[in-house]
PDB file of N, CA and C in Angstrom:
ATOM      1  N   MET A   1       0.832  -1.177   0.000  1.00  0.00           N
ATOM      2  CA  MET A   1       0.000   0.000   0.000  1.00  0.00           C
ATOM      3  C   MET A   1       0.879   1.242   0.000  1.00  0.00           C
ATOM      4  N   THR A   2       0.622   2.143  -0.944  1.00  0.00           N
ATOM      5  CA  THR A   2       1.357   3.398  -1.017  1.00  0.00           C
ATOM      6  C   THR A   2       0.582   4.456  -0.250  1.00  0.00           C
ATOM      7  N   THR A   3       1.289   5.185   0.595  1.00  0.00           N
ATOM      8  CA  THR A   3       0.633   6.206   1.401  1.00  0.00           C
ATOM      9  C   THR A   3       1.537   7.414   1.543  1.00  0.00           C
ATOM     10  N   THR A   4       0.945   8.538   1.865  1.00  0.00           N
ATOM     11  CA  THR A   4       1.724   9.755   2.057  1.00  0.00           C
ATOM     12  C   THR A   4       1.964  10.033   3.535  1.00  0.00           C
ATOM     13  N   VAL A   5       1.713   9.060   4.383  1.00  0.00           N
ATOM     14  CA  VAL A   5       1.924   9.234   5.818  1.00  0.00           C
ATOM     15  C   VAL A   5       3.421   9.211   6.100  1.00  0.00           C
ATOM     16  N   PRO A   6       3.940  10.276   6.724  1.00  0.00           N
ATOM     17  CA  PRO A   6       5.372  10.297   7.062  1.00  0.00           C
ATOM     18  C   PRO A   6       5.751   9.098   7.935  1.00  0.00           C
ATOM     19  N   GLU A   7       6.965   8.623   7.736  1.00  0.00           N
ATOM     20  CA  GLU A   7       7.452   7.448   8.457  1.00  0.00           C
ATOM     21  C   GLU A   7       7.362   7.642   9.969  1.00  0.00           C
ATOM     22  N   GLY A   8       6.850   6.647  10.650  1.00  0.00           N
ATOM     23  CA  GLY A   8       6.761   6.673  12.107  1.00  0.00           C
ATOM     24  C   GLY A   8       5.518   7.350  12.652  1.00  0.00           C
ATOM     25  N   ILE A   9       4.799   8.086  11.809  1.00  0.00           N
ATOM     26  CA  ILE A   9       3.632   8.832  12.280  1.00  0.00           C
ATOM     27  C   ILE A   9       2.490   7.885  12.652  1.00  0.00           C
ATOM     28  N   LEU A  10       2.235   6.868  11.834  1.00  0.00           N
ATOM     29  CA  LEU A  10       1.148   5.936  12.131  1.00  0.00           C
ATOM     30  C   LEU A  10       1.358   5.288  13.494  1.00  0.00           C
ATOM     31  N   GLU A  11       2.577   4.844  13.759  1.00  0.00           N
ATOM     32  CA  GLU A  11       2.867   4.208  15.041  1.00  0.00           C
ATOM     33  C   GLU A  11       2.707   5.198  16.195  1.00  0.00           C
ATOM     34  N   MET A  12       3.125   6.446  15.986  1.00  0.00           N
ATOM     35  CA  MET A  12       2.990   7.471  17.018  1.00  0.00           C
ATOM     36  C   MET A  12       1.517   7.718  17.337  1.00  0.00           C
ATOM     37  N   ILE A  13       0.684   7.814  16.297  1.00  0.00           N
ATOM     38  CA  ILE A  13      -0.746   8.067  16.495  1.00  0.00           C
ATOM     39  C   ILE A  13      -1.404   6.872  17.178  1.00  0.00           C
ATOM     40  N   LYS A  14      -1.057   5.662  16.760  1.00  0.00           N
ATOM     41  CA  LYS A  14      -1.626   4.475  17.402  1.00  0.00           C
ATOM     42  C   LYS A  14      -1.269   4.436  18.883  1.00  0.00           C
ATOM     43  N   ALA A  15      -0.042   4.770  19.221  1.00  0.00           N
ATOM     44  CA  ALA A  15       0.365   4.796  20.630  1.00  0.00           C
ATOM     45  C   ALA A  15      -0.384   5.888  21.384  1.00  0.00           C
ATOM     46  N   TYR A  16      -0.528   7.060  20.776  1.00  0.00           N
ATOM     47  CA  TYR A  16      -1.223   8.184  21.413  1.00  0.00           C
ATOM     48  C   TYR A  16      -2.689   7.847  21.689  1.00  0.00           C
ATOM     49  N   LEU A  17      -3.306   7.111  20.768  1.00  0.00           N
ATOM     50  CA  LEU A  17      -4.713   6.738  20.918  1.00  0.00           C
ATOM     51  C   LEU A  17      -4.893   5.417  21.667  1.00  0.00           C
ATOM     52  N   HIS A  18      -3.798   4.847  22.137  1.00  0.00           N
ATOM     53  CA  HIS A  18      -3.808   3.576  22.874  1.00  0.00           C
ATOM     54  C   HIS A  18      -4.413   2.444  22.040  1.00  0.00           C
ATOM     55  N   ILE A  19      -4.091   2.431  20.759  1.00  0.00           N
ATOM     56  CA  ILE A  19      -4.541   1.361  19.869  1.00  0.00           C
ATOM     57  C   ILE A  19      -3.419   0.337  19.807  1.00  0.00           C
ATOM     58  N   THR A  20      -3.629  -0.777  20.489  1.00  0.00           N
ATOM     59  CA  THR A  20      -2.590  -1.799  20.606  1.00  0.00           C
ATOM     60  C   THR A  20      -2.881  -3.029  19.752  1.00  0.00           C
ATOM     61  N   TRP A  21      -4.055  -3.080  19.153  1.00  0.00           N
ATOM     62  CA  TRP A  21      -4.443  -4.231  18.360  1.00  0.00           C
ATOM     63  C   TRP A  21      -4.169  -3.983  16.881  1.00  0.00           C
ATOM     64  N   GLU A  22      -4.091  -5.065  16.137  1.00  0.00           N
ATOM     65  CA  GLU A  22      -3.881  -4.985  14.692  1.00  0.00           C
ATOM     66  C   GLU A  22      -5.215  -5.232  13.997  1.00  0.00           C
ATOM     67  N   ASP A  23      -5.655  -4.250  13.228  1.00  0.00           N
ATOM     68  CA  ASP A  23      -6.902  -4.360  12.484  1.00  0.00           C
ATOM     69  C   ASP A  23      -6.765  -3.517  11.223  1.00  0.00           C
ATOM     70  N   ALA A  24      -6.976  -4.134  10.085  1.00  0.00           N
ATOM     71  CA  ALA A  24      -6.774  -3.441   8.809  1.00  0.00           C
ATOM     72  C   ALA A  24      -7.696  -2.231   8.664  1.00  0.00           C
ATOM     73  N   ASN A  25      -8.957  -2.357   9.066  1.00  0.00           N
ATOM     74  CA  ASN A  25      -9.886  -1.231   8.941  1.00  0.00           C
ATOM     75  C   ASN A  25      -9.496  -0.075   9.848  1.00  0.00           C
ATOM     76  N   THR A  26      -9.092  -0.384  11.067  1.00  0.00           N
ATOM     77  CA  THR A  26      -8.647   0.662  11.992  1.00  0.00           C
ATOM     78  C   THR A  26      -7.436   1.377  11.419  1.00  0.00           C
ATOM     79  N   GLU A  27      -6.505   0.614  10.878  1.00  0.00           N
ATOM     80  CA  GLU A  27      -5.298   1.206  10.306  1.00  0.00           C
ATOM     81  C   GLU A  27      -5.626   2.089   9.098  1.00  0.00           C
ATOM     82  N   LEU A  28      -6.530   1.639   8.245  1.00  0.00           N
ATOM     83  CA  LEU A  28      -6.935   2.453   7.093  1.00  0.00           C
ATOM     84  C   LEU A  28      -7.601   3.750   7.545  1.00  0.00           C
ATOM     85  N   ASN A  29      -8.445   3.661   8.566  1.00  0.00           N
ATOM     86  CA  ASN A  29      -9.089   4.865   9.105  1.00  0.00           C
ATOM     87  C   ASN A  29      -8.058   5.829   9.675  1.00  0.00           C
ATOM     88  N   LEU A  30      -7.067   5.298  10.380  1.00  0.00           N
ATOM     89  CA  LEU A  30      -6.023   6.155  10.950  1.00  0.00           C
ATOM     90  C   LEU A  30      -5.176   6.795   9.854  1.00  0.00           C
ATOM     91  N   ILE A  31      -4.844   6.033   8.835  1.00  0.00           N
ATOM     92  CA  ILE A  31      -4.063   6.585   7.722  1.00  0.00           C
ATOM     93  C   ILE A  31      -4.837   7.716   7.058  1.00  0.00           C
ATOM     94  N   ASP A  32      -6.133   7.514   6.860  1.00  0.00           N
ATOM     95  CA  ASP A  32      -6.967   8.571   6.275  1.00  0.00           C
ATOM     96  C   ASP A  32      -6.990   9.806   7.180  1.00  0.00           C
ATOM     97  N   ALA A  33      -7.118   9.591   8.490  1.00  0.00           N
ATOM     98  CA  ALA A  33      -7.123  10.707   9.445  1.00  0.00           C
ATOM     99  C   ALA A  33      -5.786  11.439   9.433  1.00  0.00           C
ATOM    100  N   ILE A  34      -4.704  10.697   9.353  1.00  0.00           N
ATOM    101  CA  ILE A  34      -3.369  11.306   9.332  1.00  0.00           C
ATOM    102  C   ILE A  34      -3.177  12.113   8.053  1.00  0.00           C
ATOM    103  N   GLU A  35      -3.505  11.522   6.908  1.00  0.00           N
ATOM    104  CA  GLU A  35      -3.345  12.233   5.635  1.00  0.00           C
ATOM    105  C   GLU A  35      -4.178  13.508   5.612  1.00  0.00           C
ATOM    106  N   SER A  36      -5.406  13.412   6.092  1.00  0.00           N
ATOM    107  CA  SER A  36      -6.287  14.578   6.154  1.00  0.00           C
ATOM    108  C   SER A  36      -5.717  15.644   7.085  1.00  0.00           C
ATOM    109  N   SER A  37      -5.213  15.213   8.223  1.00  0.00           N
ATOM    110  CA  SER A  37      -4.678  16.147   9.218  1.00  0.00           C
ATOM    111  C   SER A  37      -3.382  16.794   8.757  1.00  0.00           C
ATOM    112  N   VAL A  38      -2.529  16.039   8.102  1.00  0.00           N
ATOM    113  CA  VAL A  38      -1.282  16.597   7.570  1.00  0.00           C
ATOM    114  C   VAL A  38      -1.607  17.683   6.547  1.00  0.00           C
ATOM    115  N   ALA A  39      -2.527  17.390   5.624  1.00  0.00           N
ATOM    116  CA  ALA A  39      -2.912  18.378   4.612  1.00  0.00           C
ATOM    117  C   ALA A  39      -3.544  19.605   5.264  1.00  0.00           C
ATOM    118  N   TYR A  40      -4.381  19.392   6.250  1.00  0.00           N
ATOM    119  CA  TYR A  40      -5.037  20.494   6.958  1.00  0.00           C
ATOM    120  C   TYR A  40      -4.007  21.388   7.644  1.00  0.00           C
ATOM    121  N   LEU A  41      -3.077  20.785   8.369  1.00  0.00           N
ATOM    122  CA  LEU A  41      -2.067  21.561   9.100  1.00  0.00           C
ATOM    123  C   LEU A  41      -1.105  22.269   8.145  1.00  0.00           C
ATOM    124  N   GLN A  42      -0.778  21.641   7.023  1.00  0.00           N
ATOM    125  CA  GLN A  42       0.054  22.316   6.026  1.00  0.00           C
ATOM    126  C   GLN A  42      -0.675  23.531   5.467  1.00  0.00           C
ATOM    127  N   GLY A  43      -1.979  23.414   5.284  1.00  0.00           N
ATOM    128  CA  GLY A  43      -2.769  24.547   4.818  1.00  0.00           C
ATOM    129  C   GLY A  43      -2.795  25.679   5.830  1.00  0.00           C
ATOM    130  N   ILE A  44      -2.966  25.349   7.094  1.00  0.00           N
ATOM    131  CA  ILE A  44      -2.963  26.356   8.162  1.00  0.00           C
ATOM    132  C   ILE A  44      -1.593  27.032   8.222  1.00  0.00           C
ATOM    133  N   ALA A  45      -0.539  26.217   8.128  1.00  0.00           N
ATOM    134  CA  ALA A  45       0.819  26.750   8.218  1.00  0.00           C
ATOM    135  C   ALA A  45       1.227  27.490   6.949  1.00  0.00           C
ATOM    136  N   GLY A  46       0.558  27.205   5.839  1.00  0.00           N
ATOM    137  CA  GLY A  46       0.909  27.847   4.577  1.00  0.00           C
ATOM    138  C   GLY A  46       2.189  27.303   3.979  1.00  0.00           C
ATOM    139  N   VAL A  47       2.471  26.034   4.235  1.00  0.00           N
ATOM    140  CA  VAL A  47       3.683  25.393   3.722  1.00  0.00           C
ATOM    141  C   VAL A  47       3.308  24.096   3.012  1.00  0.00           C
ATOM    142  N   SER A  48       4.225  23.608   2.186  1.00  0.00           N
ATOM    143  CA  SER A  48       3.961  22.368   1.463  1.00  0.00           C
ATOM    144  C   SER A  48       4.425  21.135   2.226  1.00  0.00           C
ATOM    145  N   ALA A  49       5.199  21.330   3.285  1.00  0.00           N
ATOM    146  CA  ALA A  49       5.662  20.203   4.097  1.00  0.00           C
ATOM    147  C   ALA A  49       5.964  20.680   5.512  1.00  0.00           C
ATOM    148  N   ILE A  50       5.637  19.828   6.469  1.00  0.00           N
ATOM    149  CA  ILE A  50       5.953  20.094   7.873  1.00  0.00           C
ATOM    150  C   ILE A  50       6.770  18.915   8.376  1.00  0.00           C
ATOM    151  N   ASP A  51       7.849  19.189   9.063  1.00  0.00           N
ATOM    152  CA  ASP A  51       8.649  18.130   9.677  1.00  0.00           C
ATOM    153  C   ASP A  51       8.094  17.885  11.078  1.00  0.00           C
ATOM    154  N   PHE A  52       7.273  16.856  11.205  1.00  0.00           N
ATOM    155  CA  PHE A  52       6.623  16.562  12.480  1.00  0.00           C
ATOM    156  C   PHE A  52       7.599  16.033  13.524  1.00  0.00           C
ATOM    157  N   GLU A  53       8.774  15.615  13.093  1.00  0.00           N
ATOM    158  CA  GLU A  53       9.811  15.186  14.034  1.00  0.00           C
ATOM    159  C   GLU A  53      10.393  16.391  14.762  1.00  0.00           C
ATOM    160  N   VAL A  54      10.503  17.517  14.064  1.00  0.00           N
ATOM    161  CA  VAL A  54      11.147  18.721  14.594  1.00  0.00           C
ATOM    162  C   VAL A  54      10.134  19.681  15.208  1.00  0.00           C
ATOM    163  N   ASN A  55       9.012  19.866  14.550  1.00  0.00           N
ATOM    164  CA  ASN A  55       8.031  20.863  14.964  1.00  0.00           C
ATOM    165  C   ASN A  55       7.073  20.263  15.986  1.00  0.00           C
ATOM    166  N   ARG A  56       7.353  20.522  17.247  1.00  0.00           N
ATOM    167  CA  ARG A  56       6.572  19.944  18.352  1.00  0.00           C
ATOM    168  C   ARG A  56       5.110  20.391  18.313  1.00  0.00           C
ATOM    169  N   LEU A  57       4.880  21.676  18.040  1.00  0.00           N
ATOM    170  CA  LEU A  57       3.514  22.194  17.987  1.00  0.00           C
ATOM    171  C   LEU A  57       2.712  21.483  16.902  1.00  0.00           C
ATOM    172  N   ALA A  58       3.288  21.350  15.721  1.00  0.00           N
ATOM    173  CA  ALA A  58       2.605  20.667  14.617  1.00  0.00           C
ATOM    174  C   ALA A  58       2.352  19.204  14.961  1.00  0.00           C
ATOM    175  N   ARG A  59       3.321  18.549  15.590  1.00  0.00           N
ATOM    176  CA  ARG A  59       3.162  17.148  15.983  1.00  0.00           C
ATOM    177  C   ARG A  59       2.021  16.993  16.981  1.00  0.00           C
ATOM    178  N   ASP A  60       1.961  17.881  17.972  1.00  0.00           N
ATOM    179  CA  ASP A  60       0.885  17.813  18.963  1.00  0.00           C
ATOM    180  C   ASP A  60      -0.477  18.071  18.325  1.00  0.00           C
ATOM    181  N   LEU A  61      -0.535  19.039  17.409  1.00  0.00           N
ATOM    182  CA  LEU A  61      -1.792  19.312  16.712  1.00  0.00           C
ATOM    183  C   LEU A  61      -2.214  18.127  15.843  1.00  0.00           C
ATOM    184  N   LEU A  62      -1.255  17.480  15.203  1.00  0.00           N
ATOM    185  CA  LEU A  62      -1.552  16.297  14.398  1.00  0.00           C
ATOM    186  C   LEU A  62      -2.151  15.200  15.272  1.00  0.00           C
ATOM    187  N   LYS A  63      -1.529  14.940  16.407  1.00  0.00           N
ATOM    188  CA  LYS A  63      -2.035  13.903  17.309  1.00  0.00           C
ATOM    189  C   LYS A  63      -3.443  14.236  17.793  1.00  0.00           C
ATOM    190  N   ASP A  64      -3.655  15.489  18.181  1.00  0.00           N
ATOM    191  CA  ASP A  64      -4.965  15.864  18.703  1.00  0.00           C
ATOM    192  C   ASP A  64      -6.041  15.874  17.622  1.00  0.00           C
ATOM    193  N   ARG A  65      -5.698  16.297  16.414  1.00  0.00           N
ATOM    194  CA  ARG A  65      -6.698  16.283  15.335  1.00  0.00           C
ATOM    195  C   ARG A  65      -7.083  14.844  15.005  1.00  0.00           C
ATOM    196  N   CYS A  66      -6.120  13.940  15.001  1.00  0.00           N
ATOM    197  CA  CYS A  66      -6.430  12.520  14.779  1.00  0.00           C
ATOM    198  C   CYS A  66      -7.293  11.969  15.911  1.00  0.00           C
ATOM    199  N   ARG A  67      -7.038  12.424  17.119  1.00  0.00           N
ATOM    200  CA  ARG A  67      -7.856  12.008  18.270  1.00  0.00           C
ATOM    201  C   ARG A  67      -9.296  12.483  18.083  1.00  0.00           C
ATOM    202  N   TYR A  68      -9.472  13.718  17.655  1.00  0.00           N
ATOM    203  CA  TYR A  68     -10.816  14.244  17.431  1.00  0.00           C
ATOM    204  C   TYR A  68     -11.516  13.493  16.302  1.00  0.00           C
ATOM    205  N   ILE A  69     -10.792  13.182  15.239  1.00  0.00           N
ATOM    206  CA  ILE A  69     -11.381  12.402  14.146  1.00  0.00           C
ATOM    207  C   ILE A  69     -11.786  11.030  14.655  1.00  0.00           C
ATOM    208  N   ASN A  70     -10.914  10.379  15.403  1.00  0.00           N
ATOM    209  CA  ASN A  70     -11.184   9.048  15.935  1.00  0.00           C
ATOM    210  C   ASN A  70     -12.384   9.055  16.880  1.00  0.00           C
ATOM    211  N   SER A  71     -12.576  10.157  17.590  1.00  0.00           N
ATOM    212  CA  SER A  71     -13.695  10.290  18.533  1.00  0.00           C
ATOM    213  C   SER A  71     -14.941  10.868  17.870  1.00  0.00           C
ATOM    214  N   GLN A  72     -14.872  11.113  16.572  1.00  0.00           N
ATOM    215  CA  GLN A  72     -15.965  11.686  15.791  1.00  0.00           C
ATOM    216  C   GLN A  72     -16.428  13.024  16.366  1.00  0.00           C
ATOM    217  N   ALA A  73     -15.442  13.873  16.674  1.00  0.00           N
ATOM    218  CA  ALA A  73     -15.717  15.199  17.230  1.00  0.00           C
ATOM    219  C   ALA A  73     -14.953  16.276  16.465  1.00  0.00           C
ATOM    220  N   LEU A  74     -14.649  16.027  15.201  1.00  0.00           N
ATOM    221  CA  LEU A  74     -13.819  16.941  14.419  1.00  0.00           C
ATOM    222  C   LEU A  74     -14.421  18.339  14.323  1.00  0.00           C
ATOM    223  N   GLU A  75     -15.740  18.440  14.382  1.00  0.00           N
ATOM    224  CA  GLU A  75     -16.388  19.742  14.219  1.00  0.00           C
ATOM    225  C   GLU A  75     -16.017  20.739  15.316  1.00  0.00           C
ATOM    226  N   VAL A  76     -15.487  20.287  16.440  1.00  0.00           N
ATOM    227  CA  VAL A  76     -15.100  21.215  17.512  1.00  0.00           C
ATOM    228  C   VAL A  76     -13.583  21.391  17.626  1.00  0.00           C
ATOM    229  N   PHE A  77     -12.819  20.730  16.758  1.00  0.00           N
ATOM    230  CA  PHE A  77     -11.361  20.821  16.838  1.00  0.00           C
ATOM    231  C   PHE A  77     -10.871  22.250  16.662  1.00  0.00           C
ATOM    232  N   GLU A  78     -11.312  22.929  15.607  1.00  0.00           N
ATOM    233  CA  GLU A  78     -10.830  24.294  15.339  1.00  0.00           C
ATOM    234  C   GLU A  78     -11.144  25.233  16.489  1.00  0.00           C
ATOM    235  N   LYS A  79     -12.323  25.115  17.048  1.00  0.00           N
ATOM    236  CA  LYS A  79     -12.712  25.969  18.175  1.00  0.00           C
ATOM    237  C   LYS A  79     -11.817  25.699  19.385  1.00  0.00           C
ATOM    238  N   ASN A  80     -11.589  24.444  19.685  1.00  0.00           N
ATOM    239  CA  ASN A  80     -10.816  24.084  20.875  1.00  0.00           C
ATOM    240  C   ASN A  80      -9.319  24.333  20.730  1.00  0.00           C
ATOM    241  N   PHE A  81      -8.822  24.393  19.495  1.00  0.00           N
ATOM    242  CA  PHE A  81      -7.392  24.569  19.264  1.00  0.00           C
ATOM    243  C   PHE A  81      -7.076  25.829  18.459  1.00  0.00           C
ATOM    244  N   ALA A  82      -7.969  26.806  18.499  1.00  0.00           N
ATOM    245  CA  ALA A  82      -7.789  28.038  17.714  1.00  0.00           C
ATOM    246  C   ALA A  82      -6.471  28.729  18.035  1.00  0.00           C
ATOM    247  N   SER A  83      -6.129  28.821  19.296  1.00  0.00           N
ATOM    248  CA  SER A  83      -4.893  29.494  19.704  1.00  0.00           C
ATOM    249  C   SER A  83      -3.662  28.764  19.168  1.00  0.00           C
ATOM    250  N   GLU A  84      -3.657  27.448  19.291  1.00  0.00           N
ATOM    251  CA  GLU A  84      -2.526  26.657  18.822  1.00  0.00           C
ATOM    252  C   GLU A  84      -2.408  26.706  17.299  1.00  0.00           C
ATOM    253  N   LEU A  85      -3.547  26.697  16.602  1.00  0.00           N
ATOM    254  CA  LEU A  85      -3.529  26.785  15.142  1.00  0.00           C
ATOM    255  C   LEU A  85      -2.991  28.135  14.690  1.00  0.00           C
ATOM    256  N   MET A  86      -3.383  29.195  15.385  1.00  0.00           N
ATOM    257  CA  MET A  86      -2.865  30.527  15.060  1.00  0.00           C
ATOM    258  C   MET A  86      -1.360  30.580  15.321  1.00  0.00           C
ATOM    259  N   SER A  87      -0.914  29.966  16.405  1.00  0.00           N
ATOM    260  CA  SER A  87       0.523  29.927  16.708  1.00  0.00           C
ATOM    261  C   SER A  87       1.293  29.195  15.617  1.00  0.00           C
ATOM    262  N   LEU A  88       0.740  28.087  15.122  1.00  0.00           N
ATOM    263  CA  LEU A  88       1.389  27.344  14.036  1.00  0.00           C
ATOM    264  C   LEU A  88       1.490  28.215  12.788  1.00  0.00           C
ATOM    265  N   HIS A  89       0.423  28.925  12.479  1.00  0.00           N
ATOM    266  CA  HIS A  89       0.412  29.803  11.308  1.00  0.00           C
ATOM    267  C   HIS A  89       1.470  30.902  11.442  1.00  0.00           C
ATOM    268  N   ILE A  90       1.486  31.563  12.581  1.00  0.00           N
ATOM    269  CA  ILE A  90       2.445  32.656  12.806  1.00  0.00           C
ATOM    270  C   ILE A  90       3.872  32.129  12.810  1.00  0.00           C
ATOM    271  N   GLN A  91       4.091  31.004  13.487  1.00  0.00           N
ATOM    272  CA  GLN A  91       5.425  30.403  13.536  1.00  0.00           C
ATOM    273  C   GLN A  91       5.924  30.084  12.127  1.00  0.00           C
ATOM    274  N   SER A  92       5.058  29.558  11.287  1.00  0.00           N
ATOM    275  CA  SER A  92       5.447  29.230   9.912  1.00  0.00           C
ATOM    276  C   SER A  92       5.762  30.479   9.106  1.00  0.00           C
ATOM    277  N   LEU A  93       4.987  31.544   9.318  1.00  0.00           N
ATOM    278  CA  LEU A  93       5.272  32.810   8.632  1.00  0.00           C
ATOM    279  C   LEU A  93       6.624  33.369   9.048  1.00  0.00           C
ATOM    280  N   VAL A  94       6.899  33.347  10.327  1.00  0.00           N
ATOM    281  CA  VAL A  94       8.179  33.850  10.838  1.00  0.00           C
ATOM    282  C   VAL A  94       9.328  33.002  10.303  1.00  0.00           C
ATOM    283  N   ASP A  95       9.166  31.683  10.337  1.00  0.00           N
ATOM    284  CA  ASP A  95      10.220  30.789   9.852  1.00  0.00           C
ATOM    285  C   ASP A  95      10.488  30.967   8.359  1.00  0.00           C
ATOM    286  N   SER A  96       9.467  31.384   7.605  1.00  0.00           N
ATOM    287  CA  SER A  96       9.650  31.552   6.161  1.00  0.00           C
ATOM    288  C   SER A  96      10.258  32.906   5.797  1.00  0.00           C
ATOM    289  N   GLN A  97      10.477  33.767   6.774  1.00  0.00           N
ATOM    290  CA  GLN A  97      11.041  35.103   6.546  1.00  0.00           C
ATOM    291  C   GLN A  97      12.370  35.248   7.295  1.00  0.00           C
ATOM    292  N   PRO A  98      13.416  34.538   6.882  1.00  0.00           N
ATOM    293  CA  PRO A  98      14.677  34.571   7.627  1.00  0.00           C
ATOM    294  C   PRO A  98      15.380  35.928   7.592  1.00  0.00           C
ATOM    295  N   ASP A  99      15.033  36.791   6.644  1.00  0.00           N
ATOM    296  CA  ASP A  99      15.704  38.086   6.538  1.00  0.00           C
ATOM    297  C   ASP A  99      15.117  39.142   7.462  1.00  0.00           C
ATOM    298  N   VAL A 100      14.037  38.811   8.139  1.00  0.00           N
ATOM    299  CA  VAL A 100      13.410  39.767   9.044  1.00  0.00           C
ATOM    300  C   VAL A 100      14.262  39.880  10.300  1.00  0.00           C
ATOM    301  N   VAL A 101      14.508  41.092  10.726  1.00  0.00           N
ATOM    302  CA  VAL A 101      15.333  41.343  11.907  1.00  0.00           C
ATOM    303  C   VAL A 101      14.514  41.062  13.158  1.00  0.00           C
ATOM    304  N   GLU A 102      15.079  40.271  14.059  1.00  0.00           N
ATOM    305  CA  GLU A 102      14.412  39.991  15.324  1.00  0.00           C
ATOM    306  C   GLU A 102      14.698  41.107  16.308  1.00  0.00           C
ATOM    307  N   VAL A 103      13.705  41.445  17.108  1.00  0.00           N
ATOM    308  CA  VAL A 103      13.845  42.511  18.103  1.00  0.00           C
ATOM    309  C   VAL A 103      14.082  41.900  19.457  1.00  0.00           C
TER     310      VAL A 103
END
């Protein structure tokens, strides 16, 4: 199976959600949630790729968005994580402007 899920992310999400069993349908659902969440967070950040190994905020948001999808509560994710999503957006803007002088 070809997937766009970054290496190690599926295992991280399964551990975060305490999914210890092997089930093909559960895994497919998680892969779909991860792919959707990665695309969503890249859109919020305004970038084409996020390194979830390095960016702790993005990694935490990915885990929590997958948790909300798994709990079928995605409609309240943006409201509950508005501050963190704004921080990710601002952080990405700042990181993309290396010539800006820091005060």
